[in-house]
Amino acid sequence: MEFIIMKGIRLLRRMKAALRREDYQVTYAQCGEDRILHFLFGLLDIPHPTYLDIGAHHPTHLSNSYLFYREGARGVCVEPDPQLCKNIKVARPHDICLNIGIAAGATRDLKFYMFDDPTMNTFSESVKQEQLRAGRILRQELQVEVQSINSVIARHSSACPNLISLDTEGMDMAILETFDFGTYRPEAFCIETLTNVDDRKMTEIIDFMISKHYAVYADTFVNTIFVEQQCWTGWLAKRRQMQKNSATSVDGSSSRRESFPTS
């Protein structure tokens, strides 16, 4: 018994030591999307990407943008729920936080459906009905101003954001169809491509983004991360050139490799 106790104590000590290590990576997003984006922006040499976080929901929890905010980046958060928007403003005072929704068409008021689980809040009537059939409790309906995504960028961003995170529960495709890809070319999009009710993968969004010359960089099943095709192609060409320069800069490296015995 004493041996088992001592073994348990040693195990606890190792666990505590592991928790004190600083080589782990914190993620705030649902499936580590912020860490994937962090790696991508590192490759693209964008250390502090600006962002437009549509459907921001919470200052930190399930956030695709908070990791960048914590490291000094700044952007615009859009959250239609008044209380959630207030929470973001308090926790992230250096961001612009807009208590509006994003939708296709002109600025107007739309009915916003707020559920017992705030991650399911939506402007979509059809998504509202799906949530009710799935047993969700509708706690409030509220008239909220909606604006177009292009007008929000024009009014509140000094330049095109490097990242657009999009999670609007049923409105994503309509928003993307009105997005001005000719004027704005963010390096990356992170878009929810899984429906919450029937877990259907929305391949139509993926196909649409590819048609706009964005490549799938990663997919966590819940969200798909896209990178601007020309930007990515440029990075690949730069990497190939660097590898070529590195290979040719080592004098005699090829001949030394060929001199190795083969048996």
Foldseek 3Di string as FASTA:
>chain_A
DVVVVVVVVVVVVVVVVVVPDDPDDDAQAPQRLLVVVCVVCVLLVNNQFEEEEAQQQALGHNGSCNVSLVVPHEYEYEHQPVVRQVRNCVVRVRYHYHNAHAAPDAKDKAKWWAWPPRLQIARDPVSVVLCVVVPIGTDDIDIGIYHAPVVCCVVPPPAATQEYEDRHQPRVVRNVVPDPLVRHAHQKYKYFQAHPRPRDGNVVVVVVVVVSQWDFPDDPSGITMTGRNVSVVVSVVVVVVVVVCVVVVPPCPVVVVVPDDPD
